[in-house]
Amino acid sequence: MMSYLRMYRDKFVESNDLEYIYMNQSLKFVDYMEQIGLGDKIVEIGSQQLKDSVSFYHGKSLIQTVNTMNNHLIAIKNFLFIFTKKELLIIF
Protein backbone atom coordinates (compact mmCIF):
# COMPACT_ATOMS: atom_id res chain seq x y z
CA MET A 1 0.00 0.00 0.00
CA MET A 2 1.20 3.51 -0.84
CA SER A 3 2.24 5.64 2.14
CA TYR A 4 0.39 8.80 3.04
CA LEU A 5 3.48 10.89 2.31
CA ARG A 6 3.87 9.33 -1.17
CA MET A 7 0.18 9.86 -1.99
CA TYR A 8 0.47 13.50 -1.06
CA ARG A 9 3.76 13.89 -2.93
CA ASP A 10 2.11 12.53 -6.09
CA LYS A 11 -0.77 15.00 -5.70
CA PHE A 12 1.74 17.79 -5.05
CA VAL A 13 3.59 16.99 -8.29
CA GLU A 14 0.35 16.76 -10.30
CA SER A 15 -0.96 20.10 -9.04
CA ASN A 16 2.26 22.13 -9.38
CA ASP A 17 4.35 23.02 -12.39
CA LEU A 18 7.68 21.79 -11.03
CA GLU A 19 11.09 21.55 -12.56
CA TYR A 20 12.41 17.99 -12.85
CA ILE A 21 15.01 18.58 -10.14
CA TYR A 22 12.31 19.29 -7.56
CA MET A 23 10.23 16.32 -8.60
CA ASN A 24 13.30 14.09 -8.36
CA GLN A 25 14.48 15.42 -5.00
CA SER A 26 11.04 15.24 -3.38
CA LEU A 27 10.75 11.64 -4.59
CA LYS A 28 14.14 10.79 -3.07
CA PHE A 29 12.99 12.27 0.22
CA VAL A 30 9.76 10.26 0.22
CA ASP A 31 11.67 7.08 -0.68
CA TYR A 32 14.02 7.67 2.25
CA MET A 33 11.19 8.44 4.71
CA GLU A 34 9.44 5.21 3.71
CA GLN A 35 12.67 3.28 4.04
CA ILE A 36 13.11 4.42 7.64
CA GLY A 37 9.44 3.80 8.45
CA LEU A 38 8.12 7.37 8.48
CA GLY A 39 5.99 7.35 5.33
CA ASP A 40 2.82 7.37 7.42
CA LYS A 41 4.22 9.13 10.50
CA ILE A 42 4.45 12.69 9.25
CA VAL A 43 4.48 14.21 12.73
CA GLU A 44 7.81 12.48 13.46
CA ILE A 45 9.67 14.07 10.53
CA GLY A 46 12.05 16.74 11.77
CA SER A 47 15.39 18.37 11.09
CA GLN A 48 17.31 15.23 12.02
CA GLN A 49 15.48 13.24 9.34
CA LEU A 50 16.34 15.95 6.80
CA LYS A 51 20.02 15.75 7.76
CA ASP A 52 19.89 11.96 7.63
CA SER A 53 18.28 12.11 4.18
CA VAL A 54 21.12 14.28 2.85
CA SER A 55 23.70 11.99 4.47
CA PHE A 56 22.03 8.89 3.03
CA TYR A 57 22.03 10.20 -0.54
CA HIS A 58 25.51 11.68 -0.17
CA GLY A 59 26.71 8.22 0.90
CA LYS A 60 25.17 6.78 -2.28
CA SER A 61 26.94 9.52 -4.32
CA LEU A 62 23.60 10.95 -5.43
CA ILE A 63 24.28 14.24 -3.68
CA GLN A 64 27.82 15.24 -4.52
CA THR A 65 27.76 19.05 -4.61
CA VAL A 66 26.51 21.87 -2.44
CA ASN A 67 24.19 22.86 -5.29
CA THR A 68 22.59 19.41 -5.38
CA MET A 69 22.22 19.44 -1.60
CA ASN A 70 20.55 22.86 -1.79
CA ASN A 71 18.18 21.61 -4.50
CA HIS A 72 17.32 18.61 -2.32
CA LEU A 73 16.60 20.79 0.71
CA ILE A 74 14.64 23.41 -1.25
CA ALA A 75 12.48 20.72 -2.85
CA ILE A 76 11.77 19.15 0.55
CA LYS A 77 11.09 22.54 2.14
CA ASN A 78 8.58 23.49 -0.57
CA PHE A 79 6.92 20.09 -0.49
CA LEU A 80 6.66 19.91 3.30
CA PHE A 81 5.54 23.54 3.64
CA ILE A 82 2.62 23.01 1.28
CA PHE A 83 1.93 19.57 2.76
CA THR A 84 1.80 20.78 6.37
CA LYS A 85 -0.20 23.87 5.42
CA LYS A 86 -2.87 21.73 3.74
CA GLU A 87 -2.79 19.16 6.57
CA LEU A 88 -3.32 21.87 9.19
CA LEU A 89 -6.29 23.15 7.22
CA ILE A 90 -7.78 19.63 7.20
CA ILE A 91 -7.20 19.15 10.94
CA PHE A 92 -8.64 22.52 11.97
PDB file of N, CA and C in Angstrom:
ATOM      1  N   MET A   1       0.837  -1.185   0.000  1.00  0.00           N
ATOM      2  CA  MET A   1       0.000   0.000   0.000  1.00  0.00           C
ATOM      3  C   MET A   1       0.887   1.256   0.000  1.00  0.00           C
ATOM      4  N   MET A   2       0.467   2.248  -0.711  1.00  0.00           N
ATOM      5  CA  MET A   2       1.200   3.506  -0.839  1.00  0.00           C
ATOM      6  C   MET A   2       1.114   4.291   0.471  1.00  0.00           C
ATOM      7  N   SER A   3       2.238   4.853   0.904  1.00  0.00           N
ATOM      8  CA  SER A   3       2.243   5.639   2.139  1.00  0.00           C
ATOM      9  C   SER A   3       1.491   6.958   1.936  1.00  0.00           C
ATOM     10  N   TYR A   4       1.094   7.525   3.056  1.00  0.00           N
ATOM     11  CA  TYR A   4       0.387   8.799   3.037  1.00  0.00           C
ATOM     12  C   TYR A   4       1.278   9.887   2.447  1.00  0.00           C
ATOM     13  N   LEU A   5       2.545   9.892   2.817  1.00  0.00           N
ATOM     14  CA  LEU A   5       3.480  10.892   2.310  1.00  0.00           C
ATOM     15  C   LEU A   5       3.649  10.765   0.799  1.00  0.00           C
ATOM     16  N   ARG A   6       3.727   9.542   0.284  1.00  0.00           N
ATOM     17  CA  ARG A   6       3.866   9.328  -1.167  1.00  0.00           C
ATOM     18  C   ARG A   6       2.594   9.753  -1.899  1.00  0.00           C
ATOM     19  N   MET A   7       1.438   9.448  -1.343  1.00  0.00           N
ATOM     20  CA  MET A   7       0.182   9.857  -1.987  1.00  0.00           C
ATOM     21  C   MET A   7       0.126  11.381  -2.095  1.00  0.00           C
ATOM     22  N   TYR A   8       0.501  12.055  -1.015  1.00  0.00           N
ATOM     23  CA  TYR A   8       0.469  13.504  -1.061  1.00  0.00           C
ATOM     24  C   TYR A   8       1.517  14.044  -2.024  1.00  0.00           C
ATOM     25  N   ARG A   9       2.696  13.443  -2.033  1.00  0.00           N
ATOM     26  CA  ARG A   9       3.759  13.886  -2.935  1.00  0.00           C
ATOM     27  C   ARG A   9       3.294  13.776  -4.382  1.00  0.00           C
ATOM     28  N   ASP A  10       2.623  12.693  -4.725  1.00  0.00           N
ATOM     29  CA  ASP A  10       2.111  12.528  -6.086  1.00  0.00           C
ATOM     30  C   ASP A  10       1.091  13.605  -6.433  1.00  0.00           C
ATOM     31  N   LYS A  11       0.208  13.920  -5.484  1.00  0.00           N
ATOM     32  CA  LYS A  11      -0.770  14.999  -5.701  1.00  0.00           C
ATOM     33  C   LYS A  11      -0.074  16.346  -5.828  1.00  0.00           C
ATOM     34  N   PHE A  12       0.954  16.557  -5.018  1.00  0.00           N
ATOM     35  CA  PHE A  12       1.735  17.786  -5.052  1.00  0.00           C
ATOM     36  C   PHE A  12       2.364  17.977  -6.433  1.00  0.00           C
ATOM     37  N   VAL A  13       2.945  16.926  -6.969  1.00  0.00           N
ATOM     38  CA  VAL A  13       3.588  16.990  -8.287  1.00  0.00           C
ATOM     39  C   VAL A  13       2.552  17.250  -9.374  1.00  0.00           C
ATOM     40  N   GLU A  14       1.401  16.585  -9.294  1.00  0.00           N
ATOM     41  CA  GLU A  14       0.353  16.763 -10.305  1.00  0.00           C
ATOM     42  C   GLU A  14      -0.209  18.178 -10.306  1.00  0.00           C
ATOM     43  N   SER A  15      -0.291  18.805  -9.134  1.00  0.00           N
ATOM     44  CA  SER A  15      -0.955  20.103  -9.044  1.00  0.00           C
ATOM     45  C   SER A  15      -0.002  21.297  -9.121  1.00  0.00           C
ATOM     46  N   ASN A  16       1.283  21.049  -9.296  1.00  0.00           N
ATOM     47  CA  ASN A  16       2.256  22.133  -9.381  1.00  0.00           C
ATOM     48  C   ASN A  16       3.126  21.946 -10.611  1.00  0.00           C
ATOM     49  N   ASP A  17       3.463  23.043 -11.227  1.00  0.00           N
ATOM     50  CA  ASP A  17       4.353  23.015 -12.386  1.00  0.00           C
ATOM     51  C   ASP A  17       5.785  23.054 -11.857  1.00  0.00           C
ATOM     52  N   LEU A  18       6.371  21.884 -11.656  1.00  0.00           N
ATOM     53  CA  LEU A  18       7.678  21.789 -11.030  1.00  0.00           C
ATOM     54  C   LEU A  18       8.765  21.445 -12.041  1.00  0.00           C
ATOM     55  N   GLU A  19       9.946  21.960 -11.775  1.00  0.00           N
ATOM     56  CA  GLU A  19      11.090  21.553 -12.560  1.00  0.00           C
ATOM     57  C   GLU A  19      11.434  20.112 -12.172  1.00  0.00           C
ATOM     58  N   TYR A  20      12.067  19.395 -13.091  1.00  0.00           N
ATOM     59  CA  TYR A  20      12.413  17.994 -12.852  1.00  0.00           C
ATOM     60  C   TYR A  20      13.220  17.819 -11.565  1.00  0.00           C
ATOM     61  N   ILE A  21      14.145  18.726 -11.309  1.00  0.00           N
ATOM     62  CA  ILE A  21      15.013  18.575 -10.138  1.00  0.00           C
ATOM     63  C   ILE A  21      14.197  18.513  -8.854  1.00  0.00           C
ATOM     64  N   TYR A  22      13.129  19.294  -8.765  1.00  0.00           N
ATOM     65  CA  TYR A  22      12.315  19.290  -7.561  1.00  0.00           C
ATOM     66  C   TYR A  22      11.448  18.039  -7.478  1.00  0.00           C
ATOM     67  N   MET A  23      10.990  17.575  -8.605  1.00  0.00           N
ATOM     68  CA  MET A  23      10.225  16.317  -8.600  1.00  0.00           C
ATOM     69  C   MET A  23      11.131  15.179  -8.149  1.00  0.00           C
ATOM     70  N   ASN A  24      12.341  15.133  -8.684  1.00  0.00           N
ATOM     71  CA  ASN A  24      13.299  14.086  -8.363  1.00  0.00           C
ATOM     72  C   ASN A  24      13.704  14.135  -6.889  1.00  0.00           C
ATOM     73  N   GLN A  25      14.023  15.314  -6.386  1.00  0.00           N
ATOM     74  CA  GLN A  25      14.479  15.424  -4.999  1.00  0.00           C
ATOM     75  C   GLN A  25      13.358  15.132  -4.002  1.00  0.00           C
ATOM     76  N   SER A  26      12.135  15.559  -4.298  1.00  0.00           N
ATOM     77  CA  SER A  26      11.037  15.243  -3.377  1.00  0.00           C
ATOM     78  C   SER A  26      10.752  13.746  -3.378  1.00  0.00           C
ATOM     79  N   LEU A  27      10.925  13.093  -4.530  1.00  0.00           N
ATOM     80  CA  LEU A  27      10.752  11.641  -4.592  1.00  0.00           C
ATOM     81  C   LEU A  27      11.829  10.928  -3.774  1.00  0.00           C
ATOM     82  N   LYS A  28      13.060  11.395  -3.871  1.00  0.00           N
ATOM     83  CA  LYS A  28      14.137  10.794  -3.072  1.00  0.00           C
ATOM     84  C   LYS A  28      13.813  10.909  -1.584  1.00  0.00           C
ATOM     85  N   PHE A  29      13.323  12.065  -1.179  1.00  0.00           N
ATOM     86  CA  PHE A  29      12.990  12.268   0.225  1.00  0.00           C
ATOM     87  C   PHE A  29      11.884  11.310   0.667  1.00  0.00           C
ATOM     88  N   VAL A  30      10.854  11.168  -0.128  1.00  0.00           N
ATOM     89  CA  VAL A  30       9.760  10.256   0.216  1.00  0.00           C
ATOM     90  C   VAL A  30      10.275   8.818   0.274  1.00  0.00           C
ATOM     91  N   ASP A  31      11.088   8.426  -0.700  1.00  0.00           N
ATOM     92  CA  ASP A  31      11.670   7.078  -0.680  1.00  0.00           C
ATOM     93  C   ASP A  31      12.434   6.831   0.617  1.00  0.00           C
ATOM     94  N   TYR A  32      13.239   7.811   1.020  1.00  0.00           N
ATOM     95  CA  TYR A  32      14.017   7.674   2.251  1.00  0.00           C
ATOM     96  C   TYR A  32      13.108   7.589   3.476  1.00  0.00           C
ATOM     97  N   MET A  33      12.100   8.457   3.555  1.00  0.00           N
ATOM     98  CA  MET A  33      11.187   8.435   4.708  1.00  0.00           C
ATOM     99  C   MET A  33      10.464   7.091   4.815  1.00  0.00           C
ATOM    100  N   GLU A  34      10.074   6.537   3.678  1.00  0.00           N
ATOM    101  CA  GLU A  34       9.436   5.214   3.707  1.00  0.00           C
ATOM    102  C   GLU A  34      10.429   4.147   4.153  1.00  0.00           C
ATOM    103  N   GLN A  35      11.650   4.261   3.692  1.00  0.00           N
ATOM    104  CA  GLN A  35      12.675   3.275   4.035  1.00  0.00           C
ATOM    105  C   GLN A  35      12.934   3.239   5.543  1.00  0.00           C
ATOM    106  N   ILE A  36      12.867   4.399   6.200  1.00  0.00           N
ATOM    107  CA  ILE A  36      13.105   4.422   7.643  1.00  0.00           C
ATOM    108  C   ILE A  36      11.809   4.325   8.450  1.00  0.00           C
ATOM    109  N   GLY A  37      10.705   4.055   7.766  1.00  0.00           N
ATOM    110  CA  GLY A  37       9.439   3.796   8.450  1.00  0.00           C
ATOM    111  C   GLY A  37       8.626   5.019   8.815  1.00  0.00           C
ATOM    112  N   LEU A  38       8.860   6.154   8.155  1.00  0.00           N
ATOM    113  CA  LEU A  38       8.116   7.370   8.484  1.00  0.00           C
ATOM    114  C   LEU A  38       7.172   7.827   7.377  1.00  0.00           C
ATOM    115  N   GLY A  39       6.878   6.972   6.431  1.00  0.00           N
ATOM    116  CA  GLY A  39       5.991   7.346   5.333  1.00  0.00           C
ATOM    117  C   GLY A  39       4.581   7.686   5.778  1.00  0.00           C
ATOM    118  N   ASP A  40       4.145   7.097   6.892  1.00  0.00           N
ATOM    119  CA  ASP A  40       2.815   7.367   7.425  1.00  0.00           C
ATOM    120  C   ASP A  40       2.864   8.055   8.780  1.00  0.00           C
ATOM    121  N   LYS A  41       4.047   8.492   9.191  1.00  0.00           N
ATOM    122  CA  LYS A  41       4.222   9.135  10.500  1.00  0.00           C
ATOM    123  C   LYS A  41       4.767  10.543  10.312  1.00  0.00           C
ATOM    124  N   ILE A  42       4.010  11.364   9.647  1.00  0.00           N
ATOM    125  CA  ILE A  42       4.449  12.693   9.251  1.00  0.00           C
ATOM    126  C   ILE A  42       4.869  13.539  10.444  1.00  0.00           C
ATOM    127  N   VAL A  43       4.197  13.400  11.551  1.00  0.00           N
ATOM    128  CA  VAL A  43       4.479  14.207  12.732  1.00  0.00           C
ATOM    129  C   VAL A  43       5.909  13.979  13.226  1.00  0.00           C
ATOM    130  N   GLU A  44       6.477  12.813  12.964  1.00  0.00           N
ATOM    131  CA  GLU A  44       7.809  12.481  13.463  1.00  0.00           C
ATOM    132  C   GLU A  44       8.938  12.959  12.554  1.00  0.00           C
ATOM    133  N   ILE A  45       8.631  13.584  11.442  1.00  0.00           N
ATOM    134  CA  ILE A  45       9.670  14.069  10.534  1.00  0.00           C
ATOM    135  C   ILE A  45      10.165  15.425  11.031  1.00  0.00           C
ATOM    136  N   GLY A  46      11.464  15.505  11.282  1.00  0.00           N
ATOM    137  CA  GLY A  46      12.052  16.745  11.775  1.00  0.00           C
ATOM    138  C   GLY A  46      13.388  17.027  11.115  1.00  0.00           C
ATOM    139  N   SER A  47      14.116  17.961  11.688  1.00  0.00           N
ATOM    140  CA  SER A  47      15.389  18.372  11.087  1.00  0.00           C
ATOM    141  C   SER A  47      16.397  17.236  11.044  1.00  0.00           C
ATOM    142  N   GLN A  48      16.364  16.345  12.036  1.00  0.00           N
ATOM    143  CA  GLN A  48      17.313  15.228  12.017  1.00  0.00           C
ATOM    144  C   GLN A  48      17.056  14.312  10.829  1.00  0.00           C
ATOM    145  N   GLN A  49      15.797  14.080  10.495  1.00  0.00           N
ATOM    146  CA  GLN A  49      15.484  13.237   9.339  1.00  0.00           C
ATOM    147  C   GLN A  49      15.936  13.908   8.048  1.00  0.00           C
ATOM    148  N   LEU A  50      15.840  15.237   7.983  1.00  0.00           N
ATOM    149  CA  LEU A  50      16.338  15.952   6.800  1.00  0.00           C
ATOM    150  C   LEU A  50      17.845  15.781   6.669  1.00  0.00           C
ATOM    151  N   LYS A  51      18.563  15.946   7.776  1.00  0.00           N
ATOM    152  CA  LYS A  51      20.015  15.752   7.763  1.00  0.00           C
ATOM    153  C   LYS A  51      20.365  14.320   7.372  1.00  0.00           C
ATOM    154  N   ASP A  52      19.637  13.362   7.942  1.00  0.00           N
ATOM    155  CA  ASP A  52      19.892  11.961   7.631  1.00  0.00           C
ATOM    156  C   ASP A  52      19.622  11.655   6.160  1.00  0.00           C
ATOM    157  N   SER A  53      18.604  12.298   5.598  1.00  0.00           N
ATOM    158  CA  SER A  53      18.283  12.107   4.180  1.00  0.00           C
ATOM    159  C   SER A  53      19.437  12.580   3.299  1.00  0.00           C
ATOM    160  N   VAL A  54      19.976  13.761   3.614  1.00  0.00           N
ATOM    161  CA  VAL A  54      21.119  14.278   2.853  1.00  0.00           C
ATOM    162  C   VAL A  54      22.311  13.340   3.009  1.00  0.00           C
ATOM    163  N   SER A  55      22.578  12.899   4.229  1.00  0.00           N
ATOM    164  CA  SER A  55      23.703  11.986   4.469  1.00  0.00           C
ATOM    165  C   SER A  55      23.534  10.676   3.711  1.00  0.00           C
ATOM    166  N   PHE A  56      22.316  10.152   3.710  1.00  0.00           N
ATOM    167  CA  PHE A  56      22.028   8.893   3.029  1.00  0.00           C
ATOM    168  C   PHE A  56      22.338   9.008   1.538  1.00  0.00           C
ATOM    169  N   TYR A  57      21.820  10.047   0.898  1.00  0.00           N
ATOM    170  CA  TYR A  57      22.034  10.202  -0.543  1.00  0.00           C
ATOM    171  C   TYR A  57      23.461  10.647  -0.879  1.00  0.00           C
ATOM    172  N   HIS A  58      24.102  11.352   0.034  1.00  0.00           N
ATOM    173  CA  HIS A  58      25.512  11.683  -0.167  1.00  0.00           C
ATOM    174  C   HIS A  58      26.344  10.399  -0.130  1.00  0.00           C
ATOM    175  N   GLY A  59      26.019   9.512   0.798  1.00  0.00           N
ATOM    176  CA  GLY A  59      26.709   8.221   0.900  1.00  0.00           C
ATOM    177  C   GLY A  59      26.535   7.352  -0.336  1.00  0.00           C
ATOM    178  N   LYS A  60      25.426   7.530  -1.037  1.00  0.00           N
ATOM    179  CA  LYS A  60      25.172   6.783  -2.277  1.00  0.00           C
ATOM    180  C   LYS A  60      25.684   7.537  -3.498  1.00  0.00           C
ATOM    181  N   SER A  61      26.392   8.646  -3.266  1.00  0.00           N
ATOM    182  CA  SER A  61      26.942   9.516  -4.322  1.00  0.00           C
ATOM    183  C   SER A  61      25.872  10.131  -5.213  1.00  0.00           C
ATOM    184  N   LEU A  62      24.670  10.299  -4.678  1.00  0.00           N
ATOM    185  CA  LEU A  62      23.602  10.950  -5.430  1.00  0.00           C
ATOM    186  C   LEU A  62      23.513  12.436  -5.099  1.00  0.00           C
ATOM    187  N   ILE A  63      24.115  12.831  -4.004  1.00  0.00           N
ATOM    188  CA  ILE A  63      24.280  14.239  -3.679  1.00  0.00           C
ATOM    189  C   ILE A  63      25.781  14.432  -3.526  1.00  0.00           C
ATOM    190  N   GLN A  64      26.371  15.095  -4.526  1.00  0.00           N
ATOM    191  CA  GLN A  64      27.822  15.244  -4.518  1.00  0.00           C
ATOM    192  C   GLN A  64      28.275  16.698  -4.426  1.00  0.00           C
ATOM    193  N   THR A  65      27.376  17.630  -4.625  1.00  0.00           N
ATOM    194  CA  THR A  65      27.764  19.045  -4.611  1.00  0.00           C
ATOM    195  C   THR A  65      26.854  19.825  -3.666  1.00  0.00           C
ATOM    196  N   VAL A  66      27.310  20.984  -3.277  1.00  0.00           N
ATOM    197  CA  VAL A  66      26.507  21.869  -2.436  1.00  0.00           C
ATOM    198  C   VAL A  66      25.238  22.269  -3.189  1.00  0.00           C
ATOM    199  N   ASN A  67      25.340  22.489  -4.489  1.00  0.00           N
ATOM    200  CA  ASN A  67      24.186  22.864  -5.293  1.00  0.00           C
ATOM    201  C   ASN A  67      23.122  21.758  -5.274  1.00  0.00           C
ATOM    202  N   THR A  68      23.545  20.521  -5.416  1.00  0.00           N
ATOM    203  CA  THR A  68      22.587  19.406  -5.380  1.00  0.00           C
ATOM    204  C   THR A  68      21.958  19.288  -3.999  1.00  0.00           C
ATOM    205  N   MET A  69      22.751  19.480  -2.961  1.00  0.00           N
ATOM    206  CA  MET A  69      22.217  19.439  -1.603  1.00  0.00           C
ATOM    207  C   MET A  69      21.193  20.552  -1.414  1.00  0.00           C
ATOM    208  N   ASN A  70      21.504  21.754  -1.892  1.00  0.00           N
ATOM    209  CA  ASN A  70      20.549  22.856  -1.790  1.00  0.00           C
ATOM    210  C   ASN A  70      19.266  22.556  -2.549  1.00  0.00           C
ATOM    211  N   ASN A  71      19.373  21.996  -3.738  1.00  0.00           N
ATOM    212  CA  ASN A  71      18.175  21.614  -4.501  1.00  0.00           C
ATOM    213  C   ASN A  71      17.342  20.601  -3.729  1.00  0.00           C
ATOM    214  N   HIS A  72      18.008  19.631  -3.109  1.00  0.00           N
ATOM    215  CA  HIS A  72      17.323  18.611  -2.319  1.00  0.00           C
ATOM    216  C   HIS A  72      16.558  19.270  -1.169  1.00  0.00           C
ATOM    217  N   LEU A  73      17.222  20.142  -0.446  1.00  0.00           N
ATOM    218  CA  LEU A  73      16.597  20.792   0.707  1.00  0.00           C
ATOM    219  C   LEU A  73      15.483  21.757   0.302  1.00  0.00           C
ATOM    220  N   ILE A  74      15.680  22.490  -0.770  1.00  0.00           N
ATOM    221  CA  ILE A  74      14.639  23.412  -1.249  1.00  0.00           C
ATOM    222  C   ILE A  74      13.400  22.636  -1.691  1.00  0.00           C
ATOM    223  N   ALA A  75      13.612  21.539  -2.403  1.00  0.00           N
ATOM    224  CA  ALA A  75      12.478  20.716  -2.846  1.00  0.00           C
ATOM    225  C   ALA A  75      11.710  20.176  -1.651  1.00  0.00           C
ATOM    226  N   ILE A  76      12.427  19.689  -0.650  1.00  0.00           N
ATOM    227  CA  ILE A  76      11.774  19.153   0.545  1.00  0.00           C
ATOM    228  C   ILE A  76      11.052  20.269   1.293  1.00  0.00           C
ATOM    229  N   LYS A  77      11.700  21.411   1.436  1.00  0.00           N
ATOM    230  CA  LYS A  77      11.090  22.542   2.141  1.00  0.00           C
ATOM    231  C   LYS A  77       9.779  22.945   1.465  1.00  0.00           C
ATOM    232  N   ASN A  78       9.797  23.101   0.161  1.00  0.00           N
ATOM    233  CA  ASN A  78       8.581  23.494  -0.566  1.00  0.00           C
ATOM    234  C   ASN A  78       7.494  22.441  -0.442  1.00  0.00           C
ATOM    235  N   PHE A  79       7.872  21.194  -0.590  1.00  0.00           N
ATOM    236  CA  PHE A  79       6.923  20.087  -0.495  1.00  0.00           C
ATOM    237  C   PHE A  79       6.320  20.018   0.903  1.00  0.00           C
ATOM    238  N   LEU A  80       7.168  20.037   1.938  1.00  0.00           N
ATOM    239  CA  LEU A  80       6.664  19.913   3.304  1.00  0.00           C
ATOM    240  C   LEU A  80       5.889  21.142   3.746  1.00  0.00           C
ATOM    241  N   PHE A  81       6.281  22.334   3.279  1.00  0.00           N
ATOM    242  CA  PHE A  81       5.540  23.537   3.642  1.00  0.00           C
ATOM    243  C   PHE A  81       4.113  23.457   3.113  1.00  0.00           C
ATOM    244  N   ILE A  82       3.965  23.112   1.863  1.00  0.00           N
ATOM    245  CA  ILE A  82       2.620  23.012   1.278  1.00  0.00           C
ATOM    246  C   ILE A  82       1.864  21.854   1.912  1.00  0.00           C
ATOM    247  N   PHE A  83       2.554  20.736   2.148  1.00  0.00           N
ATOM    248  CA  PHE A  83       1.926  19.568   2.764  1.00  0.00           C
ATOM    249  C   PHE A  83       1.395  19.910   4.149  1.00  0.00           C
ATOM    250  N   THR A  84       2.237  20.491   5.012  1.00  0.00           N
ATOM    251  CA  THR A  84       1.798  20.784   6.372  1.00  0.00           C
ATOM    252  C   THR A  84       0.732  21.865   6.397  1.00  0.00           C
ATOM    253  N   LYS A  85       0.815  22.822   5.494  1.00  0.00           N
ATOM    254  CA  LYS A  85      -0.196  23.869   5.417  1.00  0.00           C
ATOM    255  C   LYS A  85      -1.555  23.256   5.084  1.00  0.00           C
ATOM    256  N   LYS A  86      -1.604  22.367   4.115  1.00  0.00           N
ATOM    257  CA  LYS A  86      -2.869  21.728   3.744  1.00  0.00           C
ATOM    258  C   LYS A  86      -3.343  20.793   4.853  1.00  0.00           C
ATOM    259  N   GLU A  87      -2.406  20.070   5.490  1.00  0.00           N
ATOM    260  CA  GLU A  87      -2.793  19.163   6.574  1.00  0.00           C
ATOM    261  C   GLU A  87      -3.363  19.928   7.753  1.00  0.00           C
ATOM    262  N   LEU A  88      -2.788  21.075   8.068  1.00  0.00           N
ATOM    263  CA  LEU A  88      -3.318  21.866   9.185  1.00  0.00           C
ATOM    264  C   LEU A  88      -4.710  22.389   8.852  1.00  0.00           C
ATOM    265  N   LEU A  89      -4.960  22.714   7.602  1.00  0.00           N
ATOM    266  CA  LEU A  89      -6.294  23.150   7.218  1.00  0.00           C
ATOM    267  C   LEU A  89      -7.306  22.017   7.352  1.00  0.00           C
ATOM    268  N   ILE A  90      -6.884  20.789   7.068  1.00  0.00           N
ATOM    269  CA  ILE A  90      -7.776  19.634   7.197  1.00  0.00           C
ATOM    270  C   ILE A  90      -8.067  19.351   8.667  1.00  0.00           C
ATOM    271  N   ILE A  91      -7.034  19.453   9.520  1.00  0.00           N
ATOM    272  CA  ILE A  91      -7.195  19.150  10.940  1.00  0.00           C
ATOM    273  C   ILE A  91      -8.077  20.191  11.625  1.00  0.00           C
ATOM    274  N   PHE A  92      -7.872  21.457  11.303  1.00  0.00           N
ATOM    275  CA  PHE A  92      -8.641  22.518  11.968  1.00  0.00           C
ATOM    276  C   PHE A  92      -9.759  22.893  11.092  1.00  0.00           C
TER     277      PHE A  92
END
